[in-house]
Amino acid sequence: MKALVKARPEPGLWMERHPVPEIGPDDVLIRVHKTGICGTDIHIWNWDDWAAKTVPVPMITGHEFAGEIVELGRDVKGLSIGQRCSGEGHLIGHQSRQSRAGKFHLDPATRGIGVNEQGAFAEYLRLPAFNVVPLPDGIDDEIGAILDPLGNAVHTALSFDLVGEDVLITGAGPIGIMAAAVARHVGARHVVITDINQDRLDLAARVADVIPVNVATQELREVEGALKMKEGFDVGLEMSGNQIALDQMVENLVMGGRIALLGIPPGKSPVDWSRIVFKAITLKGVYGREIFETWYKMIAMLENGLDVRGVITHRFAVDDFRDGFAATLSGRSGKVVLDWG
């Protein structure tokens, strides 16, 4: 089969021929139709410090996918050949306290496909049947291929009650934009998204009913006044991994405000903890998706009118993967989808 491989410890990926994976009794074999390029894949492409410390070489990368089941392990029940699916890319253990309590997303033994285990940038993927998420007919392969990052957005956005609340999102990347769409879908009053990349902010305005703010040229306080907000935002969703953005969020939240943090700042960052303490702000770190509650909720919302297709800005045949990565690296794209057909 064709596969995109981190074959050498240097920048780039390489298209190679690899054997089709052999599955075990509890696995399925999935014929991959479409894949999404993720920020994690960019780290691996660039071969930054995190990737060099984390990813063994060689490694088939990629973890955002949709396809169909073409083979079942002998002990697999409840799935069928030809069934369309996506899947949870976090492979969990079953011995930890968290896992045994059903809090699968908190299992410390978690390993990621395309990072620690062979991934989805290939014509075929082996996946534990436990991780398979069947796709309803109303969700096509293109949307199925971005359910993983949509799940990050849903997990973050639903961390706190948003009904009637004023929400500030820092970082207008694809996940931030999708989180904005989710916040509006579930009943937030005002949703403001900030960035310094005007292309990303313009995309956010096209995808979701949100107020984009370029903080390089506009003050958040002015926006709050225009919206007749008296005390600040109720909930913050930090998607940028930028310390300045987090500081702005803290300053513009109400007393007792709540922040869900998905963005990962590079290295260590100085934090004014006294400001957080005296404003009685709640911080929640968000990792991945709640397995499988987030999947249930995002599929239900997609079936009930949530529309995030506009966040996909580029589509390439997999043989043109270099163009796909160039588009992602440009900073002028939303989600980029590769077609393995």
C-alpha atoms as a PDB file:
ATOM      1  CA  MET A   1       0.000   0.000   0.000  1.00  0.00           C
ATOM      2  CA  LYS A   2       0.975   3.654  -0.353  1.00  0.00           C
ATOM      3  CA  ALA A   3       1.845   5.405   2.904  1.00  0.00           C
ATOM      4  CA  LEU A   4       3.198   8.778   3.975  1.00  0.00           C
ATOM      5  CA  VAL A   5       6.131   8.034   6.240  1.00  0.00           C
ATOM      6  CA  LYS A   6       8.448   9.938   8.511  1.00  0.00           C
ATOM      7  CA  ALA A   7      11.291   7.871   7.123  1.00  0.00           C
ATOM      8  CA  ARG A   8      14.231   9.968   8.300  1.00  0.00           C
ATOM      9  CA  PRO A   9      14.851  12.246  11.295  1.00  0.00           C
ATOM     10  CA  GLU A  10      14.679  15.458   9.265  1.00  0.00           C
ATOM     11  CA  PRO A  11      11.996  17.780   7.865  1.00  0.00           C
ATOM     12  CA  GLY A  12       9.503  16.293   5.403  1.00  0.00           C
ATOM     13  CA  LEU A  13       7.470  13.138   4.774  1.00  0.00           C
ATOM     14  CA  TRP A  14       8.024  10.547   2.078  1.00  0.00           C
ATOM     15  CA  MET A  15       5.599   8.461   0.041  1.00  0.00           C
ATOM     16  CA  GLU A  16       6.615   4.812   0.329  1.00  0.00           C
ATOM     17  CA  ARG A  17       5.236   1.334  -0.278  1.00  0.00           C
ATOM     18  CA  HIS A  18       4.529  -0.583   2.920  1.00  0.00           C
ATOM     19  CA  PRO A  19       2.831  -3.928   3.613  1.00  0.00           C
ATOM     20  CA  VAL A  20      -0.891  -3.790   4.360  1.00  0.00           C
ATOM     21  CA  PRO A  21      -1.187  -4.146   8.165  1.00  0.00           C
ATOM     22  CA  GLU A  22      -2.116  -7.526   9.607  1.00  0.00           C
ATOM     23  CA  ILE A  23      -4.940  -7.267  12.117  1.00  0.00           C
ATOM     24  CA  GLY A  24      -5.409  -9.052  15.418  1.00  0.00           C
ATOM     25  CA  PRO A  25      -8.581 -10.726  16.760  1.00  0.00           C
ATOM     26  CA  ASP A  26      -9.923  -7.445  18.222  1.00  0.00           C
ATOM     27  CA  ASP A  27      -8.934  -5.173  15.323  1.00  0.00           C
ATOM     28  CA  VAL A  28     -10.457  -4.013  12.068  1.00  0.00           C
ATOM     29  CA  LEU A  29      -8.754  -3.101   8.804  1.00  0.00           C
ATOM     30  CA  ILE A  30      -9.953   0.188   7.348  1.00  0.00           C
ATOM     31  CA  ARG A  31      -9.594   1.299   3.755  1.00  0.00           C
ATOM     32  CA  VAL A  32      -8.806   4.997   4.144  1.00  0.00           C
ATOM     33  CA  HIS A  33     -10.742   7.359   1.872  1.00  0.00           C
ATOM     34  CA  LYS A  34      -9.835  10.817   3.171  1.00  0.00           C
ATOM     35  CA  THR A  35      -7.467  12.258   5.754  1.00  0.00           C
ATOM     36  CA  GLY A  36      -7.011  15.672   7.353  1.00  0.00           C
ATOM     37  CA  ILE A  37      -3.698  17.411   7.994  1.00  0.00           C
ATOM     38  CA  CYS A  38      -3.347  18.388  11.647  1.00  0.00           C
ATOM     39  CA  GLY A  39      -1.067  20.702  13.596  1.00  0.00           C
ATOM     40  CA  THR A  40       0.569  17.590  15.039  1.00  0.00           C
ATOM     41  CA  ASP A  41       1.406  16.475  11.503  1.00  0.00           C
ATOM     42  CA  ILE A  42       3.054  19.854  10.920  1.00  0.00           C
ATOM     43  CA  HIS A  43       5.236  19.351  14.008  1.00  0.00           C
ATOM     44  CA  ILE A  44       6.240  15.958  12.604  1.00  0.00           C
ATOM     45  CA  TRP A  45       6.846  17.385   9.115  1.00  0.00           C
ATOM     46  CA  ASN A  46       9.039  20.158  10.563  1.00  0.00           C
ATOM     47  CA  TRP A  47      10.771  17.662  12.875  1.00  0.00           C
ATOM     48  CA  ASP A  48      10.826  20.097  15.780  1.00  0.00           C
ATOM     49  CA  ASP A  49      12.082  19.301  19.264  1.00  0.00           C
ATOM     50  CA  TRP A  50       8.766  17.767  20.354  1.00  0.00           C
ATOM     51  CA  ALA A  51       8.602  15.483  17.292  1.00  0.00           C
ATOM     52  CA  ALA A  52      12.246  14.416  17.633  1.00  0.00           C
ATOM     53  CA  LYS A  53      11.651  13.426  21.261  1.00  0.00           C
ATOM     54  CA  THR A  54       8.283  11.747  20.669  1.00  0.00           C
ATOM     55  CA  VAL A  55       8.003  10.065  17.267  1.00  0.00           C
ATOM     56  CA  PRO A  56       9.973   6.906  16.466  1.00  0.00           C
ATOM     57  CA  VAL A  57      11.401   6.644  12.949  1.00  0.00           C
ATOM     58  CA  PRO A  58      10.183   5.214  10.632  1.00  0.00           C
ATOM     59  CA  MET A  59       6.518   6.022  11.341  1.00  0.00           C
ATOM     60  CA  ILE A  60       3.407   6.221   9.157  1.00  0.00           C
ATOM     61  CA  THR A  61       1.939   9.518  10.321  1.00  0.00           C
ATOM     62  CA  GLY A  62      -1.601  10.934  10.349  1.00  0.00           C
ATOM     63  CA  HIS A  63      -4.569  10.436  12.652  1.00  0.00           C
ATOM     64  CA  GLU A  64      -7.540  12.268  11.100  1.00  0.00           C
ATOM     65  CA  PHE A  65      -9.368   9.948   8.721  1.00  0.00           C
ATOM     66  CA  ALA A  66     -12.543   8.480   7.301  1.00  0.00           C
ATOM     67  CA  GLY A  67     -12.919   5.241   5.376  1.00  0.00           C
ATOM     68  CA  GLU A  68     -14.634   1.870   5.368  1.00  0.00           C
ATOM     69  CA  ILE A  69     -14.081  -1.430   7.111  1.00  0.00           C
ATOM     70  CA  VAL A  70     -12.707  -4.105   4.799  1.00  0.00           C
ATOM     71  CA  GLU A  71     -11.709  -6.814   7.292  1.00  0.00           C
ATOM     72  CA  LEU A  72     -12.814  -7.835  10.798  1.00  0.00           C
ATOM     73  CA  GLY A  73     -10.830  -9.611  13.498  1.00  0.00           C
ATOM     74  CA  ARG A  74     -12.329 -12.921  14.541  1.00  0.00           C
ATOM     75  CA  ASP A  75     -13.579 -11.582  17.908  1.00  0.00           C
ATOM     76  CA  VAL A  76     -15.073  -8.326  16.613  1.00  0.00           C
ATOM     77  CA  LYS A  77     -18.815  -7.917  17.155  1.00  0.00           C
ATOM     78  CA  GLY A  78     -21.220  -5.173  16.142  1.00  0.00           C
ATOM     79  CA  LEU A  79     -19.331  -3.960  13.073  1.00  0.00           C
ATOM     80  CA  SER A  80     -19.569  -5.089   9.470  1.00  0.00           C
ATOM     81  CA  ILE A  81     -17.585  -5.205   6.235  1.00  0.00           C
ATOM     82  CA  GLY A  82     -18.288  -2.127   4.126  1.00  0.00           C
ATOM     83  CA  GLN A  83     -19.297  -0.011   7.124  1.00  0.00           C
ATOM     84  CA  ARG A  84     -18.192   3.613   6.831  1.00  0.00           C
ATOM     85  CA  CYS A  85     -16.312   4.922   9.816  1.00  0.00           C
ATOM     86  CA  SER A  86     -13.926   7.326  11.427  1.00  0.00           C
ATOM     87  CA  GLY A  87     -12.154   6.509  14.655  1.00  0.00           C
ATOM     88  CA  GLU A  88     -10.643   7.675  17.915  1.00  0.00           C
ATOM     89  CA  GLY A  89      -6.903   8.012  17.400  1.00  0.00           C
ATOM     90  CA  HIS A  90      -6.013   7.683  21.079  1.00  0.00           C
ATOM     91  CA  LEU A  91      -5.260   4.054  21.925  1.00  0.00           C
ATOM     92  CA  ILE A  92      -5.877   3.594  25.622  1.00  0.00           C
ATOM     93  CA  GLY A  93      -4.812   1.089  28.218  1.00  0.00           C
ATOM     94  CA  HIS A  94      -7.299  -0.696  30.446  1.00  0.00           C
ATOM     95  CA  GLN A  95      -5.488  -0.976  33.780  1.00  0.00           C
ATOM     96  CA  SER A  96      -5.384   2.569  35.154  1.00  0.00           C
ATOM     97  CA  ARG A  97      -7.861   3.901  37.674  1.00  0.00           C
ATOM     98  CA  GLN A  98      -9.118   6.418  35.116  1.00  0.00           C
ATOM     99  CA  SER A  99      -9.679   3.824  32.419  1.00  0.00           C
ATOM    100  CA  ARG A 100     -11.360   1.366  34.779  1.00  0.00           C
ATOM    101  CA  ALA A 101     -13.679   4.196  35.866  1.00  0.00           C
ATOM    102  CA  GLY A 102     -14.673   4.795  32.239  1.00  0.00           C
ATOM    103  CA  LYS A 103     -12.694   8.044  31.979  1.00  0.00           C
ATOM    104  CA  PHE A 104     -10.863   6.744  28.933  1.00  0.00           C
ATOM    105  CA  HIS A 105      -9.576  10.142  27.768  1.00  0.00           C
ATOM    106  CA  LEU A 106      -7.598  10.468  31.014  1.00  0.00           C
ATOM    107  CA  ASP A 107      -5.750   7.166  30.757  1.00  0.00           C
ATOM    108  CA  PRO A 108      -2.028   7.852  31.305  1.00  0.00           C
ATOM    109  CA  ALA A 109      -1.024   4.924  29.083  1.00  0.00           C
ATOM    110  CA  THR A 110      -2.610   6.529  25.992  1.00  0.00           C
ATOM    111  CA  ARG A 111      -0.721   6.170  22.705  1.00  0.00           C
ATOM    112  CA  GLY A 112      -1.556   8.005  19.506  1.00  0.00           C
ATOM    113  CA  ILE A 113      -1.870   6.625  15.986  1.00  0.00           C
ATOM    114  CA  GLY A 114       0.463   8.483  13.658  1.00  0.00           C
ATOM    115  CA  VAL A 115       2.581   9.525  16.651  1.00  0.00           C
ATOM    116  CA  ASN A 116       3.433   6.440  18.706  1.00  0.00           C
ATOM    117  CA  GLU A 117       1.712   3.797  16.539  1.00  0.00           C
ATOM    118  CA  GLN A 118       1.426   3.423  12.763  1.00  0.00           C
ATOM    119  CA  GLY A 119      -1.068   5.969  11.505  1.00  0.00           C
ATOM    120  CA  ALA A 120      -3.758   6.828   8.986  1.00  0.00           C
ATOM    121  CA  PHE A 121      -1.760   8.480   6.177  1.00  0.00           C
ATOM    122  CA  ALA A 122      -1.953   5.216   4.244  1.00  0.00           C
ATOM    123  CA  GLU A 123      -4.321   3.287   2.050  1.00  0.00           C
ATOM    124  CA  TYR A 124      -5.092   0.932   4.955  1.00  0.00           C
ATOM    125  CA  LEU A 125      -5.186   1.392   8.715  1.00  0.00           C
ATOM    126  CA  ARG A 126      -5.317  -1.201  11.473  1.00  0.00           C
ATOM    127  CA  LEU A 127      -7.424   0.023  14.381  1.00  0.00           C
ATOM    128  CA  PRO A 128      -8.833  -1.643  17.505  1.00  0.00           C
ATOM    129  CA  ALA A 129     -12.548  -2.214  17.027  1.00  0.00           C
ATOM    130  CA  PHE A 130     -13.060  -0.397  20.336  1.00  0.00           C
ATOM    131  CA  ASN A 131     -11.834   2.808  18.662  1.00  0.00           C
ATOM    132  CA  VAL A 132     -14.071   2.642  15.586  1.00  0.00           C
ATOM    133  CA  VAL A 133     -16.756   5.326  15.265  1.00  0.00           C
ATOM    134  CA  PRO A 134     -19.378   4.393  12.637  1.00  0.00           C
ATOM    135  CA  LEU A 135     -20.466   7.259  10.400  1.00  0.00           C
ATOM    136  CA  PRO A 136     -24.157   7.879   9.740  1.00  0.00           C
ATOM    137  CA  ASP A 137     -25.188   8.389   6.114  1.00  0.00           C
ATOM    138  CA  GLY A 138     -25.631  12.125   6.676  1.00  0.00           C
ATOM    139  CA  ILE A 139     -21.929  12.623   7.446  1.00  0.00           C
ATOM    140  CA  ASP A 140     -19.774  12.191   4.349  1.00  0.00           C
ATOM    141  CA  ASP A 141     -16.128  11.144   4.279  1.00  0.00           C
ATOM    142  CA  GLU A 142     -14.862  14.718   4.026  1.00  0.00           C
ATOM    143  CA  ILE A 143     -16.528  15.719   7.294  1.00  0.00           C
ATOM    144  CA  GLY A 144     -15.673  12.314   8.755  1.00  0.00           C
ATOM    145  CA  ALA A 145     -11.999  13.072   8.132  1.00  0.00           C
ATOM    146  CA  ILE A 146     -12.121  16.175  10.364  1.00  0.00           C
ATOM    147  CA  LEU A 147     -14.143  14.749  13.245  1.00  0.00           C
ATOM    148  CA  ASP A 148     -10.976  14.366  15.310  1.00  0.00           C
ATOM    149  CA  PRO A 149     -10.238  18.139  15.422  1.00  0.00           C
ATOM    150  CA  LEU A 150     -13.946  18.944  15.595  1.00  0.00           C
ATOM    151  CA  GLY A 151     -13.977  16.719  18.668  1.00  0.00           C
ATOM    152  CA  ASN A 152     -11.231  18.844  20.221  1.00  0.00           C
ATOM    153  CA  ALA A 153     -13.371  21.910  19.569  1.00  0.00           C
ATOM    154  CA  VAL A 154     -16.504  20.270  20.991  1.00  0.00           C
ATOM    155  CA  HIS A 155     -14.703  18.975  24.089  1.00  0.00           C
ATOM    156  CA  THR A 156     -13.316  22.454  24.767  1.00  0.00           C
ATOM    157  CA  ALA A 157     -16.513  24.378  24.009  1.00  0.00           C
ATOM    158  CA  LEU A 158     -18.724  22.094  26.098  1.00  0.00           C
ATOM    159  CA  SER A 159     -16.421  22.240  29.124  1.00  0.00           C
ATOM    160  CA  PHE A 160     -18.743  24.877  30.592  1.00  0.00           C
ATOM    161  CA  ASP A 161     -22.392  25.844  30.213  1.00  0.00           C
ATOM    162  CA  LEU A 162     -22.552  28.323  27.321  1.00  0.00           C
ATOM    163  CA  VAL A 163     -26.291  28.991  27.111  1.00  0.00           C
ATOM    164  CA  GLY A 164     -26.803  32.758  27.136  1.00  0.00           C
ATOM    165  CA  GLU A 165     -23.115  33.372  27.925  1.00  0.00           C
ATOM    166  CA  ASP A 166     -20.635  35.716  26.295  1.00  0.00           C
ATOM    167  CA  VAL A 167     -17.687  33.693  24.961  1.00  0.00           C
ATOM    168  CA  LEU A 168     -14.178  34.802  24.043  1.00  0.00           C
ATOM    169  CA  ILE A 169     -12.087  32.507  21.829  1.00  0.00           C
ATOM    170  CA  THR A 170      -8.392  33.257  21.362  1.00  0.00           C
ATOM    171  CA  GLY A 171      -6.895  31.726  18.217  1.00  0.00           C
ATOM    172  CA  ALA A 172      -8.732  31.549  14.886  1.00  0.00           C
ATOM    173  CA  GLY A 173      -7.160  28.353  13.644  1.00  0.00           C
ATOM    174  CA  PRO A 174      -9.468  25.605  12.369  1.00  0.00           C
ATOM    175  CA  ILE A 175     -10.226  24.259  15.866  1.00  0.00           C
ATOM    176  CA  GLY A 176     -10.901  27.722  17.251  1.00  0.00           C
ATOM    177  CA  ILE A 177     -13.243  28.473  14.354  1.00  0.00           C
ATOM    178  CA  MET A 178     -15.094  25.188  14.849  1.00  0.00           C
ATOM    179  CA  ALA A 179     -15.348  25.874  18.586  1.00  0.00           C
ATOM    180  CA  ALA A 180     -16.931  29.224  17.734  1.00  0.00           C
ATOM    181  CA  ALA A 181     -19.501  27.497  15.528  1.00  0.00           C
ATOM    182  CA  VAL A 182     -20.242  25.015  18.328  1.00  0.00           C
ATOM    183  CA  ALA A 183     -20.636  27.787  20.904  1.00  0.00           C
ATOM    184  CA  ARG A 184     -23.202  29.558  18.744  1.00  0.00           C
ATOM    185  CA  HIS A 185     -24.964  26.277  17.970  1.00  0.00           C
ATOM    186  CA  VAL A 186     -25.490  25.473  21.652  1.00  0.00           C
ATOM    187  CA  GLY A 187     -26.809  28.904  22.580  1.00  0.00           C
ATOM    188  CA  ALA A 188     -24.014  31.336  23.469  1.00  0.00           C
ATOM    189  CA  ARG A 189     -25.137  34.971  23.255  1.00  0.00           C
ATOM    190  CA  HIS A 190     -22.043  36.694  21.850  1.00  0.00           C
ATOM    191  CA  VAL A 191     -19.017  34.836  20.501  1.00  0.00           C
ATOM    192  CA  VAL A 192     -15.877  36.869  19.841  1.00  0.00           C
ATOM    193  CA  ILE A 193     -12.801  35.260  18.257  1.00  0.00           C
ATOM    194  CA  THR A 194      -9.397  36.957  18.253  1.00  0.00           C
ATOM    195  CA  ASP A 195      -6.200  36.550  16.271  1.00  0.00           C
ATOM    196  CA  ILE A 196      -3.588  38.649  14.466  1.00  0.00           C
ATOM    197  CA  ASN A 197      -3.947  36.671  11.199  1.00  0.00           C
ATOM    198  CA  GLN A 198      -6.615  38.505   9.203  1.00  0.00           C
ATOM    199  CA  ASP A 199      -7.031  35.648   6.718  1.00  0.00           C
ATOM    200  CA  ARG A 200      -7.989  33.303   9.567  1.00  0.00           C
ATOM    201  CA  LEU A 201     -10.370  35.891  11.028  1.00  0.00           C
ATOM    202  CA  ASP A 202     -12.045  36.362   7.643  1.00  0.00           C
ATOM    203  CA  LEU A 203     -12.481  32.583   7.427  1.00  0.00           C
ATOM    204  CA  ALA A 204     -14.016  32.538  10.917  1.00  0.00           C
ATOM    205  CA  ALA A 205     -16.571  35.139   9.848  1.00  0.00           C
ATOM    206  CA  ARG A 206     -17.530  33.033   6.831  1.00  0.00           C
ATOM    207  CA  VAL A 207     -17.848  29.771   8.768  1.00  0.00           C
ATOM    208  CA  ALA A 208     -19.614  30.865  11.946  1.00  0.00           C
ATOM    209  CA  ASP A 209     -21.878  33.601  13.292  1.00  0.00           C
ATOM    210  CA  VAL A 210     -19.097  35.219  15.292  1.00  0.00           C
ATOM    211  CA  ILE A 211     -17.412  38.569  15.777  1.00  0.00           C
ATOM    212  CA  PRO A 212     -13.789  38.432  14.544  1.00  0.00           C
ATOM    213  CA  VAL A 213     -11.338  40.815  16.190  1.00  0.00           C
ATOM    214  CA  ASN A 214      -7.801  41.500  15.043  1.00  0.00           C
ATOM    215  CA  VAL A 215      -6.153  42.402  18.349  1.00  0.00           C
ATOM    216  CA  ALA A 216      -3.225  43.962  16.491  1.00  0.00           C
ATOM    217  CA  THR A 217      -5.535  46.796  15.414  1.00  0.00           C
ATOM    218  CA  GLN A 218      -8.560  46.714  17.736  1.00  0.00           C
ATOM    219  CA  GLU A 219      -9.053  46.732  21.501  1.00  0.00           C
ATOM    220  CA  LEU A 220     -11.235  44.089  23.087  1.00  0.00           C
ATOM    221  CA  ARG A 221     -12.703  46.673  25.456  1.00  0.00           C
ATOM    222  CA  GLU A 222     -14.090  48.543  22.442  1.00  0.00           C
ATOM    223  CA  VAL A 223     -15.798  45.365  21.257  1.00  0.00           C
ATOM    224  CA  GLU A 224     -17.283  44.727  24.690  1.00  0.00           C
ATOM    225  CA  GLY A 225     -18.694  48.252  24.728  1.00  0.00           C
ATOM    226  CA  ALA A 226     -20.202  47.884  21.273  1.00  0.00           C
ATOM    227  CA  LEU A 227     -21.892  44.660  22.414  1.00  0.00           C
ATOM    228  CA  LYS A 228     -23.179  46.387  25.584  1.00  0.00           C
ATOM    229  CA  MET A 229     -21.305  43.918  27.778  1.00  0.00           C
ATOM    230  CA  LYS A 230     -20.913  45.408  31.269  1.00  0.00           C
ATOM    231  CA  GLU A 231     -18.481  43.153  33.142  1.00  0.00           C
ATOM    232  CA  GLY A 232     -16.578  41.109  30.556  1.00  0.00           C
ATOM    233  CA  PHE A 233     -16.786  37.667  28.999  1.00  0.00           C
ATOM    234  CA  ASP A 234     -18.203  34.759  30.967  1.00  0.00           C
ATOM    235  CA  VAL A 235     -16.249  31.936  29.316  1.00  0.00           C
ATOM    236  CA  GLY A 236     -12.889  31.840  27.535  1.00  0.00           C
ATOM    237  CA  LEU A 237     -11.712  29.150  25.122  1.00  0.00           C
ATOM    238  CA  GLU A 238      -7.942  29.458  24.665  1.00  0.00           C
ATOM    239  CA  MET A 239      -6.915  27.852  21.355  1.00  0.00           C
ATOM    240  CA  SER A 240      -3.791  29.800  20.396  1.00  0.00           C
ATOM    241  CA  GLY A 241      -1.090  28.614  22.783  1.00  0.00           C
ATOM    242  CA  ASN A 242      -0.014  32.260  22.995  1.00  0.00           C
ATOM    243  CA  GLN A 243       0.749  33.740  26.406  1.00  0.00           C
ATOM    244  CA  ILE A 244      -0.251  37.265  25.366  1.00  0.00           C
ATOM    245  CA  ALA A 245      -3.640  35.934  24.224  1.00  0.00           C
ATOM    246  CA  LEU A 246      -4.153  34.170  27.551  1.00  0.00           C
ATOM    247  CA  ASP A 247      -3.249  37.355  29.448  1.00  0.00           C
ATOM    248  CA  GLN A 248      -5.792  39.309  27.370  1.00  0.00           C
ATOM    249  CA  MET A 249      -8.393  36.665  28.114  1.00  0.00           C
ATOM    250  CA  VAL A 250      -7.816  36.852  31.861  1.00  0.00           C
ATOM    251  CA  GLU A 251      -8.093  40.644  31.795  1.00  0.00           C
ATOM    252  CA  ASN A 252     -11.346  40.582  29.840  1.00  0.00           C
ATOM    253  CA  LEU A 253     -13.205  37.896  31.822  1.00  0.00           C
ATOM    254  CA  VAL A 254     -15.798  38.598  34.496  1.00  0.00           C
ATOM    255  CA  MET A 255     -15.066  37.872  38.129  1.00  0.00           C
ATOM    256  CA  GLY A 256     -15.487  34.114  38.498  1.00  0.00           C
ATOM    257  CA  GLY A 257     -14.979  33.558  34.777  1.00  0.00           C
ATOM    258  CA  ARG A 258     -14.064  30.160  33.375  1.00  0.00           C
ATOM    259  CA  ILE A 259     -11.335  29.256  30.893  1.00  0.00           C
ATOM    260  CA  ALA A 260     -10.861  26.013  28.944  1.00  0.00           C
ATOM    261  CA  LEU A 261      -7.304  25.680  27.636  1.00  0.00           C
ATOM    262  CA  LEU A 262      -6.596  23.640  24.497  1.00  0.00           C
ATOM    263  CA  GLY A 263      -3.726  25.668  23.031  1.00  0.00           C
ATOM    264  CA  ILE A 264      -0.240  24.518  24.002  1.00  0.00           C
ATOM    265  CA  PRO A 265       2.334  27.285  24.559  1.00  0.00           C
ATOM    266  CA  PRO A 266       5.926  26.496  23.578  1.00  0.00           C
ATOM    267  CA  GLY A 267       8.140  25.829  26.580  1.00  0.00           C
ATOM    268  CA  LYS A 268       7.380  27.542  29.870  1.00  0.00           C
ATOM    269  CA  SER A 269       5.344  30.734  30.130  1.00  0.00           C
ATOM    270  CA  PRO A 270       5.172  33.363  32.887  1.00  0.00           C
ATOM    271  CA  VAL A 271       1.706  33.485  34.453  1.00  0.00           C
ATOM    272  CA  ASP A 272       0.320  36.239  36.679  1.00  0.00           C
ATOM    273  CA  TRP A 273      -1.286  33.835  39.126  1.00  0.00           C
ATOM    274  CA  SER A 274      -2.363  36.640  41.465  1.00  0.00           C
ATOM    275  CA  ARG A 275      -4.623  38.020  38.719  1.00  0.00           C
ATOM    276  CA  ILE A 276      -6.200  34.603  38.236  1.00  0.00           C
ATOM    277  CA  VAL A 277      -6.646  34.075  41.987  1.00  0.00           C
ATOM    278  CA  PHE A 278      -8.084  37.521  42.736  1.00  0.00           C
ATOM    279  CA  LYS A 279     -10.531  37.216  39.829  1.00  0.00           C
ATOM    280  CA  ALA A 280     -11.526  33.728  41.064  1.00  0.00           C
ATOM    281  CA  ILE A 281     -11.026  32.283  37.578  1.00  0.00           C
ATOM    282  CA  THR A 282     -11.460  28.567  36.916  1.00  0.00           C
ATOM    283  CA  LEU A 283      -8.930  26.964  34.544  1.00  0.00           C
ATOM    284  CA  LYS A 284      -9.495  23.622  32.838  1.00  0.00           C
ATOM    285  CA  GLY A 285      -6.914  21.890  30.668  1.00  0.00           C
ATOM    286  CA  VAL A 286      -8.405  20.018  27.711  1.00  0.00           C
ATOM    287  CA  TYR A 287      -6.772  17.045  26.006  1.00  0.00           C
ATOM    288  CA  GLY A 288      -8.271  15.250  23.008  1.00  0.00           C
ATOM    289  CA  ARG A 289     -11.862  14.141  23.193  1.00  0.00           C
ATOM    290  CA  GLU A 290     -13.961  12.556  25.914  1.00  0.00           C
ATOM    291  CA  ILE A 291     -14.158   8.946  24.726  1.00  0.00           C
ATOM    292  CA  PHE A 292     -16.836   8.500  23.465  1.00  0.00           C
ATOM    293  CA  GLU A 293     -19.200  11.168  24.766  1.00  0.00           C
ATOM    294  CA  THR A 294     -17.645  13.902  22.626  1.00  0.00           C
ATOM    295  CA  TRP A 295     -18.097  11.767  19.508  1.00  0.00           C
ATOM    296  CA  TYR A 296     -21.754  11.238  20.351  1.00  0.00           C
ATOM    297  CA  LYS A 297     -22.374  14.935  20.908  1.00  0.00           C
ATOM    298  CA  MET A 298     -20.591  16.186  17.792  1.00  0.00           C
ATOM    299  CA  ILE A 299     -22.321  13.682  15.527  1.00  0.00           C
ATOM    300  CA  ALA A 300     -25.658  14.626  17.073  1.00  0.00           C
ATOM    301  CA  MET A 301     -24.944  18.325  16.485  1.00  0.00           C
ATOM    302  CA  LEU A 302     -23.885  17.704  12.878  1.00  0.00           C
ATOM    303  CA  GLU A 303     -27.122  15.827  12.286  1.00  0.00           C
ATOM    304  CA  ASN A 304     -28.999  18.716  13.897  1.00  0.00           C
ATOM    305  CA  GLY A 305     -27.644  21.546  11.774  1.00  0.00           C
ATOM    306  CA  LEU A 306     -24.088  22.301  12.916  1.00  0.00           C
ATOM    307  CA  ASP A 307     -22.204  23.200   9.725  1.00  0.00           C
ATOM    308  CA  VAL A 308     -18.395  23.314   9.760  1.00  0.00           C
ATOM    309  CA  ARG A 309     -17.675  22.376   6.144  1.00  0.00           C
ATOM    310  CA  GLY A 310     -16.540  25.909   5.377  1.00  0.00           C
ATOM    311  CA  VAL A 311     -13.471  25.395   7.578  1.00  0.00           C
ATOM    312  CA  ILE A 312     -12.119  23.066   4.845  1.00  0.00           C
ATOM    313  CA  THR A 313     -10.330  25.392   2.440  1.00  0.00           C
ATOM    314  CA  HIS A 314      -8.082  23.038   0.444  1.00  0.00           C
ATOM    315  CA  ARG A 315      -8.494  19.573  -1.039  1.00  0.00           C
ATOM    316  CA  PHE A 316      -5.693  17.600  -2.691  1.00  0.00           C
ATOM    317  CA  ALA A 317      -5.130  14.143  -4.097  1.00  0.00           C
ATOM    318  CA  VAL A 318      -2.722  12.353  -1.789  1.00  0.00           C
ATOM    319  CA  ASP A 319      -0.037  12.269  -4.478  1.00  0.00           C
ATOM    320  CA  ASP A 320       0.001  16.066  -4.138  1.00  0.00           C
ATOM    321  CA  PHE A 321       0.571  15.874  -0.382  1.00  0.00           C
ATOM    322  CA  ARG A 322       3.466  18.347  -0.566  1.00  0.00           C
ATOM    323  CA  ASP A 323       1.049  20.996  -1.846  1.00  0.00           C
ATOM    324  CA  GLY A 324      -1.297  20.125   1.008  1.00  0.00           C
ATOM    325  CA  PHE A 325       1.409  20.605   3.603  1.00  0.00           C
ATOM    326  CA  ALA A 326       2.546  23.824   1.909  1.00  0.00           C
ATOM    327  CA  ALA A 327      -1.019  25.161   2.146  1.00  0.00           C
ATOM    328  CA  THR A 328      -1.179  24.263   5.836  1.00  0.00           C
ATOM    329  CA  LEU A 329       2.223  25.802   6.541  1.00  0.00           C
ATOM    330  CA  SER A 330       1.249  29.016   4.747  1.00  0.00           C
ATOM    331  CA  GLY A 331      -0.995  30.207   7.569  1.00  0.00           C
ATOM    332  CA  ARG A 332      -3.638  31.116   4.982  1.00  0.00           C
ATOM    333  CA  SER A 333      -5.611  27.873   5.083  1.00  0.00           C
ATOM    334  CA  GLY A 334      -8.266  26.259   7.201  1.00  0.00           C
ATOM    335  CA  LYS A 335      -8.419  22.481   7.226  1.00  0.00           C
ATOM    336  CA  VAL A 336      -6.631  20.676   4.392  1.00  0.00           C
ATOM    337  CA  VAL A 337      -8.032  17.296   3.285  1.00  0.00           C
ATOM    338  CA  LEU A 338      -6.153  14.633   1.319  1.00  0.00           C
ATOM    339  CA  ASP A 339      -8.081  12.214  -0.937  1.00  0.00           C
ATOM    340  CA  TRP A 340      -6.739   8.637  -0.992  1.00  0.00           C
ATOM    341  CA  GLY A 341      -9.206   7.517  -3.676  1.00  0.00           C
END
